Amino acid sequence: MKSDIKKYSFKQGLPQEFEFVGIGELYKHHSDTLTTSHRTGFYHILWFQKGNPTHLVDFNPVKIKPNTILFLNKDTVQQFDKKGGFDGKVILFTDIFFCKSESDTKFLRSTILFNDLFAVSQIQLSKTASLFADLFQLMETELENEKDSSQSDILKNLLHNLLLLSERERRKQDFTEIKNGADLDYLMLFKDLLETNYRRLKKVSDYAKKISVTEKRLNQATSKILDKSPKQMIDERIMLEAKRLLAHTNESVKEIGFDLGFDEPTNFIKYFRKHSHSTPVEFREQFVSA
């Protein structure tokens, strides 16, 4: 029977597509959901104030220390630590809430917090913890007020300030800065297109055409910044989704291959083995036996 990784939409009935929740309280009522691999159609800002959990982001275990803030893009597959014993605050919000203008959309699509090209983005708070606590408190207090015509803008501006301060902190903490310019612009355009088209477009030429650059120019951009070719990035995105579906669903290998744009199961199996040195079944067995 076909199934997919459980995906959750934003809670309906709230005044804004913005929510402020205690992590401990959320875990208490929804631990079964949170400790199973899932993805959401909205952004997470997770401030772990207490405890030392390991948060699984795709296949990357992120070890958390107290006063760590984790930033997760929408559609990221994540899983909370089953051991529990942690607490903090979480901010959840959608594109609809934050993107009031073209500049807001550009900011959210390019911010290093949700689009770090090298790692899961996190910051460790120390001297600035009180400043972040004040901003969190201001948002929580505003949400308690009755909704009026100003509330959405107030919350959005507070959130924007929080993200800007977080970017400043991120740049101080083991962050590889990428110089703004045409290379980064082309890379981000390609990355956005890849995210929505990897199932059906597998040729570099298809993406270069959509971006209105030559394959050579696109290769220059990705190679300079990531030391990867566009073809490598396409293969990595397909393989990430293949591994997600193999590990977290009970779809058959045939169904997964078809879902990812392979007409024949044998083609998918050959492709997977080429890029992972194991068959899809062998990869899946690692998680069944774990």
C-alpha atoms as a PDB file:
ATOM      1  CA  MET A   1       0.000   0.000   0.000  1.00  0.00           C
ATOM      2  CA  LYS A   2       1.363   3.388  -0.960  1.00  0.00           C
ATOM      3  CA  SER A   3       2.100   5.860   1.812  1.00  0.00           C
ATOM      4  CA  ASP A   4       4.153   9.015   2.076  1.00  0.00           C
ATOM      5  CA  ILE A   5       6.141  10.795   4.748  1.00  0.00           C
ATOM      6  CA  LYS A   6       3.536  12.414   6.968  1.00  0.00           C
ATOM      7  CA  LYS A   7       3.266  16.097   6.138  1.00  0.00           C
ATOM      8  CA  TYR A   8       1.471  18.593   8.355  1.00  0.00           C
ATOM      9  CA  SER A   9      -0.091  21.851   7.276  1.00  0.00           C
ATOM     10  CA  PHE A  10      -0.388  24.876   9.514  1.00  0.00           C
ATOM     11  CA  LYS A  11      -3.036  24.671  12.216  1.00  0.00           C
ATOM     12  CA  GLN A  12      -6.340  26.130  11.075  1.00  0.00           C
ATOM     13  CA  GLY A  13      -8.409  28.624  13.028  1.00  0.00           C
ATOM     14  CA  LEU A  14      -5.563  30.779  14.390  1.00  0.00           C
ATOM     15  CA  PRO A  15      -5.710  34.588  13.966  1.00  0.00           C
ATOM     16  CA  GLN A  16      -2.395  34.502  12.078  1.00  0.00           C
ATOM     17  CA  GLU A  17      -0.365  31.804  10.359  1.00  0.00           C
ATOM     18  CA  PHE A  18       2.083  32.328  13.199  1.00  0.00           C
ATOM     19  CA  GLU A  19       2.216  30.294  16.387  1.00  0.00           C
ATOM     20  CA  PHE A  20       4.270  30.471  19.573  1.00  0.00           C
ATOM     21  CA  VAL A  21       4.379  27.222  21.573  1.00  0.00           C
ATOM     22  CA  GLY A  22       6.299  25.720  24.476  1.00  0.00           C
ATOM     23  CA  ILE A  23       8.365  22.776  23.257  1.00  0.00           C
ATOM     24  CA  GLY A  24       7.742  20.780  26.428  1.00  0.00           C
ATOM     25  CA  GLU A  25       3.984  21.267  26.161  1.00  0.00           C
ATOM     26  CA  LEU A  26       4.019  20.419  22.460  1.00  0.00           C
ATOM     27  CA  TYR A  27       6.027  17.270  23.145  1.00  0.00           C
ATOM     28  CA  LYS A  28       3.733  16.248  25.991  1.00  0.00           C
ATOM     29  CA  HIS A  29       0.640  16.227  23.783  1.00  0.00           C
ATOM     30  CA  HIS A  30       2.131  15.188  20.434  1.00  0.00           C
ATOM     31  CA  SER A  31       5.190  13.040  21.214  1.00  0.00           C
ATOM     32  CA  ASP A  32       3.998  10.197  18.968  1.00  0.00           C
ATOM     33  CA  THR A  33       3.865  12.572  16.018  1.00  0.00           C
ATOM     34  CA  LEU A  34       7.030  14.507  16.822  1.00  0.00           C
ATOM     35  CA  THR A  35       9.203  11.426  17.364  1.00  0.00           C
ATOM     36  CA  THR A  36       8.181   9.984  13.997  1.00  0.00           C
ATOM     37  CA  SER A  37       9.823  11.341  10.859  1.00  0.00           C
ATOM     38  CA  HIS A  38       7.582  14.057   9.451  1.00  0.00           C
ATOM     39  CA  ARG A  39       7.676  17.271   7.486  1.00  0.00           C
ATOM     40  CA  THR A  40       5.652  20.454   7.603  1.00  0.00           C
ATOM     41  CA  GLY A  41       4.635  23.122   5.135  1.00  0.00           C
ATOM     42  CA  PHE A  42       5.905  25.876   7.440  1.00  0.00           C
ATOM     43  CA  TYR A  43       9.090  27.160   9.105  1.00  0.00           C
ATOM     44  CA  HIS A  44      10.423  26.249  12.564  1.00  0.00           C
ATOM     45  CA  ILE A  45      12.503  28.294  14.978  1.00  0.00           C
ATOM     46  CA  LEU A  46      13.274  25.922  17.849  1.00  0.00           C
ATOM     47  CA  TRP A  47      14.868  27.417  20.958  1.00  0.00           C
ATOM     48  CA  PHE A  48      16.017  24.512  23.146  1.00  0.00           C
ATOM     49  CA  GLN A  49      16.493  26.158  26.525  1.00  0.00           C
ATOM     50  CA  LYS A  50      16.920  22.995  28.605  1.00  0.00           C
ATOM     51  CA  GLY A  51      18.185  19.491  27.889  1.00  0.00           C
ATOM     52  CA  ASN A  52      20.616  17.850  25.480  1.00  0.00           C
ATOM     53  CA  PRO A  53      18.483  16.114  22.852  1.00  0.00           C
ATOM     54  CA  THR A  54      19.588  14.866  19.472  1.00  0.00           C
ATOM     55  CA  HIS A  55      17.324  16.325  16.792  1.00  0.00           C
ATOM     56  CA  LEU A  56      17.276  14.321  13.568  1.00  0.00           C
ATOM     57  CA  VAL A  57      17.160  16.527  10.454  1.00  0.00           C
ATOM     58  CA  ASP A  58      16.859  14.261   7.435  1.00  0.00           C
ATOM     59  CA  PHE A  59      19.678  11.813   8.103  1.00  0.00           C
ATOM     60  CA  ASN A  60      21.794  14.259  10.106  1.00  0.00           C
ATOM     61  CA  PRO A  61      21.752  13.911  13.918  1.00  0.00           C
ATOM     62  CA  VAL A  62      22.069  17.410  15.394  1.00  0.00           C
ATOM     63  CA  LYS A  63      23.299  17.310  18.983  1.00  0.00           C
ATOM     64  CA  ILE A  64      21.684  20.115  20.965  1.00  0.00           C
ATOM     65  CA  LYS A  65      23.080  22.010  23.931  1.00  0.00           C
ATOM     66  CA  PRO A  66      20.991  24.236  26.236  1.00  0.00           C
ATOM     67  CA  ASN A  67      20.311  27.663  24.710  1.00  0.00           C
ATOM     68  CA  THR A  68      20.576  26.451  21.132  1.00  0.00           C
ATOM     69  CA  ILE A  69      18.249  27.845  18.471  1.00  0.00           C
ATOM     70  CA  LEU A  70      17.652  25.624  15.448  1.00  0.00           C
ATOM     71  CA  PHE A  71      16.231  26.967  12.164  1.00  0.00           C
ATOM     72  CA  LEU A  72      14.381  24.535   9.909  1.00  0.00           C
ATOM     73  CA  ASN A  73      13.041  25.324   6.469  1.00  0.00           C
ATOM     74  CA  LYS A  74       9.598  24.178   5.421  1.00  0.00           C
ATOM     75  CA  ASP A  75       9.399  20.607   4.054  1.00  0.00           C
ATOM     76  CA  THR A  76      12.489  19.526   5.998  1.00  0.00           C
ATOM     77  CA  VAL A  77      12.087  15.967   7.305  1.00  0.00           C
ATOM     78  CA  GLN A  78      12.726  16.007  11.046  1.00  0.00           C
ATOM     79  CA  GLN A  79      12.301  13.892  14.149  1.00  0.00           C
ATOM     80  CA  PHE A  80      12.419  14.894  17.833  1.00  0.00           C
ATOM     81  CA  ASP A  81      14.428  12.895  20.354  1.00  0.00           C
ATOM     82  CA  LYS A  82      12.372  10.026  21.772  1.00  0.00           C
ATOM     83  CA  LYS A  83      14.082  10.306  25.171  1.00  0.00           C
ATOM     84  CA  GLY A  84      12.471  13.677  25.872  1.00  0.00           C
ATOM     85  CA  GLY A  85      13.818  15.657  28.815  1.00  0.00           C
ATOM     86  CA  PHE A  86      14.063  18.991  27.000  1.00  0.00           C
ATOM     87  CA  ASP A  87      12.102  22.223  26.950  1.00  0.00           C
ATOM     88  CA  GLY A  88      12.074  25.623  25.318  1.00  0.00           C
ATOM     89  CA  LYS A  89      10.073  27.650  22.844  1.00  0.00           C
ATOM     90  CA  VAL A  90       9.157  27.177  19.206  1.00  0.00           C
ATOM     91  CA  ILE A  91       7.958  29.709  16.645  1.00  0.00           C
ATOM     92  CA  LEU A  92       6.038  28.377  13.657  1.00  0.00           C
ATOM     93  CA  PHE A  93       5.128  30.530  10.661  1.00  0.00           C
ATOM     94  CA  THR A  94       4.279  30.340   6.977  1.00  0.00           C
ATOM     95  CA  ASP A  95       5.234  32.153   3.794  1.00  0.00           C
ATOM     96  CA  ILE A  96       1.802  33.750   3.765  1.00  0.00           C
ATOM     97  CA  PHE A  97       2.412  35.290   7.184  1.00  0.00           C
ATOM     98  CA  PHE A  98       5.909  36.655   6.532  1.00  0.00           C
ATOM     99  CA  CYS A  99       5.934  37.535   2.838  1.00  0.00           C
ATOM    100  CA  LYS A 100       4.058  40.820   2.637  1.00  0.00           C
ATOM    101  CA  SER A 101       6.250  42.159  -0.180  1.00  0.00           C
ATOM    102  CA  GLU A 102       8.705  40.991  -2.813  1.00  0.00           C
ATOM    103  CA  SER A 103      11.612  41.970  -0.556  1.00  0.00           C
ATOM    104  CA  ASP A 104      10.187  39.778   2.249  1.00  0.00           C
ATOM    105  CA  THR A 105      10.033  36.822  -0.142  1.00  0.00           C
ATOM    106  CA  LYS A 106      13.582  37.435  -1.330  1.00  0.00           C
ATOM    107  CA  PHE A 107      14.815  37.652   2.267  1.00  0.00           C
ATOM    108  CA  LEU A 108      13.171  34.382   3.309  1.00  0.00           C
ATOM    109  CA  ARG A 109      14.441  32.577   0.196  1.00  0.00           C
ATOM    110  CA  SER A 110      18.020  33.710   0.748  1.00  0.00           C
ATOM    111  CA  THR A 111      18.517  34.057   4.507  1.00  0.00           C
ATOM    112  CA  ILE A 112      21.373  31.928   5.805  1.00  0.00           C
ATOM    113  CA  LEU A 113      19.112  30.702   8.604  1.00  0.00           C
ATOM    114  CA  PHE A 114      16.840  28.622   6.370  1.00  0.00           C
ATOM    115  CA  ASN A 115      19.136  28.257   3.370  1.00  0.00           C
ATOM    116  CA  ASP A 116      22.548  27.373   4.762  1.00  0.00           C
ATOM    117  CA  LEU A 117      24.228  25.516   1.912  1.00  0.00           C
ATOM    118  CA  PHE A 118      26.659  23.653   4.144  1.00  0.00           C
ATOM    119  CA  ALA A 119      24.894  22.676   7.383  1.00  0.00           C
ATOM    120  CA  VAL A 120      21.711  22.710   9.454  1.00  0.00           C
ATOM    121  CA  SER A 121      21.593  26.283  10.702  1.00  0.00           C
ATOM    122  CA  GLN A 122      21.820  26.820  14.443  1.00  0.00           C
ATOM    123  CA  ILE A 123      23.132  29.381  16.905  1.00  0.00           C
ATOM    124  CA  GLN A 124      24.331  29.059  20.475  1.00  0.00           C
ATOM    125  CA  LEU A 125      23.169  31.873  22.741  1.00  0.00           C
ATOM    126  CA  SER A 126      25.262  33.248  25.587  1.00  0.00           C
ATOM    127  CA  LYS A 127      25.535  36.995  26.219  1.00  0.00           C
ATOM    128  CA  THR A 128      22.660  37.730  23.831  1.00  0.00           C
ATOM    129  CA  ALA A 129      20.230  35.260  25.422  1.00  0.00           C
ATOM    130  CA  SER A 130      18.371  38.020  27.306  1.00  0.00           C
ATOM    131  CA  LEU A 131      17.854  39.988  24.085  1.00  0.00           C
ATOM    132  CA  PHE A 132      16.353  36.954  22.365  1.00  0.00           C
ATOM    133  CA  ALA A 133      14.214  36.259  25.430  1.00  0.00           C
ATOM    134  CA  ASP A 134      12.831  39.811  25.249  1.00  0.00           C
ATOM    135  CA  LEU A 135      11.896  39.413  21.580  1.00  0.00           C
ATOM    136  CA  PHE A 136      10.241  36.054  22.224  1.00  0.00           C
ATOM    137  CA  GLN A 137       8.313  37.593  25.124  1.00  0.00           C
ATOM    138  CA  LEU A 138       7.159  40.540  23.003  1.00  0.00           C
ATOM    139  CA  MET A 139       5.782  38.151  20.391  1.00  0.00           C
ATOM    140  CA  GLU A 140       4.090  35.982  22.996  1.00  0.00           C
ATOM    141  CA  THR A 141       2.508  39.039  24.635  1.00  0.00           C
ATOM    142  CA  GLU A 142       1.299  40.410  21.299  1.00  0.00           C
ATOM    143  CA  LEU A 143      -0.339  37.099  20.449  1.00  0.00           C
ATOM    144  CA  GLU A 144      -2.302  37.308  23.698  1.00  0.00           C
ATOM    145  CA  ASN A 145      -3.827  40.618  22.593  1.00  0.00           C
ATOM    146  CA  GLU A 146      -7.073  40.629  20.683  1.00  0.00           C
ATOM    147  CA  LYS A 147      -6.437  40.597  16.952  1.00  0.00           C
ATOM    148  CA  ASP A 148      -6.688  43.968  15.240  1.00  0.00           C
ATOM    149  CA  SER A 149      -5.460  45.535  12.003  1.00  0.00           C
ATOM    150  CA  SER A 150      -1.957  46.064  13.419  1.00  0.00           C
ATOM    151  CA  GLN A 151      -1.248  42.695  15.004  1.00  0.00           C
ATOM    152  CA  SER A 152      -0.008  40.924  11.891  1.00  0.00           C
ATOM    153  CA  ASP A 153       2.456  43.710  11.045  1.00  0.00           C
ATOM    154  CA  ILE A 154       3.703  43.939  14.632  1.00  0.00           C
ATOM    155  CA  LEU A 155       4.353  40.209  14.835  1.00  0.00           C
ATOM    156  CA  LYS A 156       5.962  40.127  11.405  1.00  0.00           C
ATOM    157  CA  ASN A 157       8.290  43.014  12.258  1.00  0.00           C
ATOM    158  CA  LEU A 158       9.284  41.397  15.567  1.00  0.00           C
ATOM    159  CA  LEU A 159       9.977  38.140  13.742  1.00  0.00           C
ATOM    160  CA  HIS A 160      12.022  39.946  11.111  1.00  0.00           C
ATOM    161  CA  ASN A 161      14.118  41.577  13.843  1.00  0.00           C
ATOM    162  CA  LEU A 162      14.625  38.177  15.457  1.00  0.00           C
ATOM    163  CA  LEU A 163      15.820  36.710  12.156  1.00  0.00           C
ATOM    164  CA  LEU A 164      18.199  39.613  11.525  1.00  0.00           C
ATOM    165  CA  LEU A 165      19.694  39.269  15.012  1.00  0.00           C
ATOM    166  CA  SER A 166      19.973  35.531  14.484  1.00  0.00           C
ATOM    167  CA  GLU A 167      21.816  36.071  11.212  1.00  0.00           C
ATOM    168  CA  ARG A 168      24.281  38.338  13.023  1.00  0.00           C
ATOM    169  CA  GLU A 169      24.891  35.654  15.645  1.00  0.00           C
ATOM    170  CA  ARG A 170      25.169  32.927  13.007  1.00  0.00           C
ATOM    171  CA  ARG A 171      27.920  34.815  11.216  1.00  0.00           C
ATOM    172  CA  LYS A 172      29.931  34.930  14.456  1.00  0.00           C
ATOM    173  CA  GLN A 173      29.704  31.164  14.992  1.00  0.00           C
ATOM    174  CA  ASP A 174      31.633  28.946  12.614  1.00  0.00           C
ATOM    175  CA  PHE A 175      29.827  30.173   9.497  1.00  0.00           C
ATOM    176  CA  THR A 176      31.217  30.118   5.953  1.00  0.00           C
ATOM    177  CA  GLU A 177      30.180  33.378   4.316  1.00  0.00           C
ATOM    178  CA  ILE A 178      29.409  33.307   0.598  1.00  0.00           C
ATOM    179  CA  LYS A 179      30.100  36.515  -1.284  1.00  0.00           C
ATOM    180  CA  ASN A 180      27.052  38.084  -2.905  1.00  0.00           C
ATOM    181  CA  GLY A 181      27.160  38.206  -6.667  1.00  0.00           C
ATOM    182  CA  ALA A 182      26.015  36.545  -9.860  1.00  0.00           C
ATOM    183  CA  ASP A 183      27.369  33.121  -8.850  1.00  0.00           C
ATOM    184  CA  LEU A 184      25.271  33.051  -5.690  1.00  0.00           C
ATOM    185  CA  ASP A 185      22.222  34.403  -7.552  1.00  0.00           C
ATOM    186  CA  TYR A 186      22.439  31.659 -10.177  1.00  0.00           C
ATOM    187  CA  LEU A 187      23.014  29.011  -7.531  1.00  0.00           C
ATOM    188  CA  MET A 188      19.967  30.041  -5.495  1.00  0.00           C
ATOM    189  CA  LEU A 189      17.772  30.227  -8.610  1.00  0.00           C
ATOM    190  CA  PHE A 190      18.929  26.760  -9.593  1.00  0.00           C
ATOM    191  CA  LYS A 191      18.382  25.438  -6.057  1.00  0.00           C
ATOM    192  CA  ASP A 192      14.812  26.795  -5.956  1.00  0.00           C
ATOM    193  CA  LEU A 193      13.998  25.317  -9.379  1.00  0.00           C
ATOM    194  CA  LEU A 194      15.559  22.006  -8.404  1.00  0.00           C
ATOM    195  CA  GLU A 195      13.415  21.767  -5.283  1.00  0.00           C
ATOM    196  CA  THR A 196      10.201  21.913  -7.305  1.00  0.00           C
ATOM    197  CA  ASN A 197      11.284  20.073 -10.466  1.00  0.00           C
ATOM    198  CA  TYR A 198      13.727  17.294  -9.508  1.00  0.00           C
ATOM    199  CA  ARG A 199      11.112  14.597 -10.056  1.00  0.00           C
ATOM    200  CA  ARG A 200      10.632  15.435 -13.728  1.00  0.00           C
ATOM    201  CA  LEU A 201      13.697  17.429 -14.828  1.00  0.00           C
ATOM    202  CA  LYS A 202      16.992  15.595 -14.594  1.00  0.00           C
ATOM    203  CA  LYS A 203      19.105  17.330 -17.242  1.00  0.00           C
ATOM    204  CA  VAL A 204      21.300  20.338 -16.464  1.00  0.00           C
ATOM    205  CA  SER A 205      20.252  21.857 -19.778  1.00  0.00           C
ATOM    206  CA  ASP A 206      16.612  22.027 -18.629  1.00  0.00           C
ATOM    207  CA  TYR A 207      17.535  24.130 -15.590  1.00  0.00           C
ATOM    208  CA  ALA A 208      20.042  26.311 -17.430  1.00  0.00           C
ATOM    209  CA  LYS A 209      17.359  27.137 -19.971  1.00  0.00           C
ATOM    210  CA  LYS A 210      14.880  28.144 -17.267  1.00  0.00           C
ATOM    211  CA  ILE A 211      17.499  30.386 -15.613  1.00  0.00           C
ATOM    212  CA  SER A 212      18.517  31.803 -19.024  1.00  0.00           C
ATOM    213  CA  VAL A 213      22.211  30.902 -18.682  1.00  0.00           C
ATOM    214  CA  THR A 214      24.457  28.412 -20.425  1.00  0.00           C
ATOM    215  CA  GLU A 215      25.247  25.058 -18.846  1.00  0.00           C
ATOM    216  CA  LYS A 216      28.870  26.165 -18.614  1.00  0.00           C
ATOM    217  CA  ARG A 217      27.940  29.330 -16.698  1.00  0.00           C
ATOM    218  CA  LEU A 218      25.721  27.409 -14.295  1.00  0.00           C
ATOM    219  CA  ASN A 219      28.513  24.911 -13.719  1.00  0.00           C
ATOM    220  CA  GLN A 220      30.920  27.776 -12.975  1.00  0.00           C
ATOM    221  CA  ALA A 221      28.539  29.133 -10.325  1.00  0.00           C
ATOM    222  CA  THR A 222      27.879  25.849  -8.500  1.00  0.00           C
ATOM    223  CA  SER A 223      31.502  24.722  -8.719  1.00  0.00           C
ATOM    224  CA  LYS A 224      32.851  27.997  -7.356  1.00  0.00           C
ATOM    225  CA  ILE A 225      30.540  28.099  -4.343  1.00  0.00           C
ATOM    226  CA  LEU A 226      29.909  24.438  -3.505  1.00  0.00           C
ATOM    227  CA  ASP A 227      32.640  22.651  -5.447  1.00  0.00           C
ATOM    228  CA  LYS A 228      29.861  20.620  -7.071  1.00  0.00           C
ATOM    229  CA  SER A 229      28.538  20.403 -10.594  1.00  0.00           C
ATOM    230  CA  PRO A 230      24.841  21.034 -11.308  1.00  0.00           C
ATOM    231  CA  LYS A 231      24.529  17.332 -12.179  1.00  0.00           C
ATOM    232  CA  GLN A 232      25.866  16.396  -8.740  1.00  0.00           C
ATOM    233  CA  MET A 233      23.280  18.660  -7.106  1.00  0.00           C
ATOM    234  CA  ILE A 234      20.478  17.096  -9.152  1.00  0.00           C
ATOM    235  CA  ASP A 235      21.629  13.597  -8.206  1.00  0.00           C
ATOM    236  CA  GLU A 236      21.961  14.542  -4.520  1.00  0.00           C
ATOM    237  CA  ARG A 237      18.415  15.945  -4.408  1.00  0.00           C
ATOM    238  CA  ILE A 238      16.934  12.871  -6.066  1.00  0.00           C
ATOM    239  CA  MET A 239      18.886  10.572  -3.749  1.00  0.00           C
ATOM    240  CA  LEU A 240      17.818  12.516  -0.652  1.00  0.00           C
ATOM    241  CA  GLU A 241      14.159  12.045  -1.541  1.00  0.00           C
ATOM    242  CA  ALA A 242      14.731   8.397  -2.455  1.00  0.00           C
ATOM    243  CA  LYS A 243      16.351   7.756   0.938  1.00  0.00           C
ATOM    244  CA  ARG A 244      13.593   9.649   2.728  1.00  0.00           C
ATOM    245  CA  LEU A 245      10.902   7.516   1.090  1.00  0.00           C
ATOM    246  CA  LEU A 246      12.780   4.250   1.595  1.00  0.00           C
ATOM    247  CA  ALA A 247      13.483   4.966   5.261  1.00  0.00           C
ATOM    248  CA  HIS A 248      10.215   6.574   6.315  1.00  0.00           C
ATOM    249  CA  THR A 249       7.445   5.041   4.166  1.00  0.00           C
ATOM    250  CA  ASN A 250       6.299   1.599   3.111  1.00  0.00           C
ATOM    251  CA  GLU A 251       6.073   2.464  -0.576  1.00  0.00           C
ATOM    252  CA  SER A 252       7.481  -0.261  -2.792  1.00  0.00           C
ATOM    253  CA  VAL A 253      10.745   0.297  -4.639  1.00  0.00           C
ATOM    254  CA  LYS A 254       8.733   0.379  -7.855  1.00  0.00           C
ATOM    255  CA  GLU A 255       6.397   3.085  -6.494  1.00  0.00           C
ATOM    256  CA  ILE A 256       9.297   5.185  -5.211  1.00  0.00           C
ATOM    257  CA  GLY A 257      11.127   4.938  -8.522  1.00  0.00           C
ATOM    258  CA  PHE A 258       8.011   5.951 -10.428  1.00  0.00           C
ATOM    259  CA  ASP A 259       7.373   8.823  -7.990  1.00  0.00           C
ATOM    260  CA  LEU A 260      10.894  10.116  -8.694  1.00  0.00           C
ATOM    261  CA  GLY A 261      10.463   9.995 -12.459  1.00  0.00           C
ATOM    262  CA  PHE A 262      11.950   6.610 -13.350  1.00  0.00           C
ATOM    263  CA  ASP A 263       9.834   4.699 -15.878  1.00  0.00           C
ATOM    264  CA  GLU A 264      11.356   1.310 -15.056  1.00  0.00           C
ATOM    265  CA  PRO A 265      12.202  -0.072 -11.592  1.00  0.00           C
ATOM    266  CA  THR A 266      15.498  -1.460 -12.932  1.00  0.00           C
ATOM    267  CA  ASN A 267      16.590   2.050 -13.965  1.00  0.00           C
ATOM    268  CA  PHE A 268      15.897   3.361 -10.462  1.00  0.00           C
ATOM    269  CA  ILE A 269      17.736   0.453  -8.826  1.00  0.00           C
ATOM    270  CA  LYS A 270      20.790   0.988 -11.061  1.00  0.00           C
ATOM    271  CA  TYR A 271      20.711   4.732 -10.378  1.00  0.00           C
ATOM    272  CA  PHE A 272      20.423   4.247  -6.609  1.00  0.00           C
ATOM    273  CA  ARG A 273      23.230   1.699  -6.508  1.00  0.00           C
ATOM    274  CA  LYS A 274      25.481   3.978  -8.567  1.00  0.00           C
ATOM    275  CA  HIS A 275      25.060   6.838  -6.084  1.00  0.00           C
ATOM    276  CA  SER A 276      24.939   4.950  -2.778  1.00  0.00           C
ATOM    277  CA  HIS A 277      26.793   1.658  -3.351  1.00  0.00           C
ATOM    278  CA  SER A 278      23.767  -0.279  -2.120  1.00  0.00           C
ATOM    279  CA  THR A 279      20.418  -1.277  -3.562  1.00  0.00           C
ATOM    280  CA  PRO A 280      17.204   0.438  -2.421  1.00  0.00           C
ATOM    281  CA  VAL A 281      16.208  -2.731  -0.534  1.00  0.00           C
ATOM    282  CA  GLU A 282      19.578  -2.938   1.225  1.00  0.00           C
ATOM    283  CA  PHE A 283      19.312   0.717   2.246  1.00  0.00           C
ATOM    284  CA  ARG A 284      15.767   0.218   3.572  1.00  0.00           C
ATOM    285  CA  GLU A 285      16.801  -2.828   5.603  1.00  0.00           C
ATOM    286  CA  GLN A 286      19.164  -0.660   7.653  1.00  0.00           C
ATOM    287  CA  PHE A 287      16.135   1.198   9.060  1.00  0.00           C
ATOM    288  CA  VAL A 288      13.863  -1.818   9.422  1.00  0.00           C
ATOM    289  CA  SER A 289      16.427  -3.545  11.614  1.00  0.00           C
ATOM    290  CA  ALA A 290      17.401  -0.386  13.558  1.00  0.00           C
END
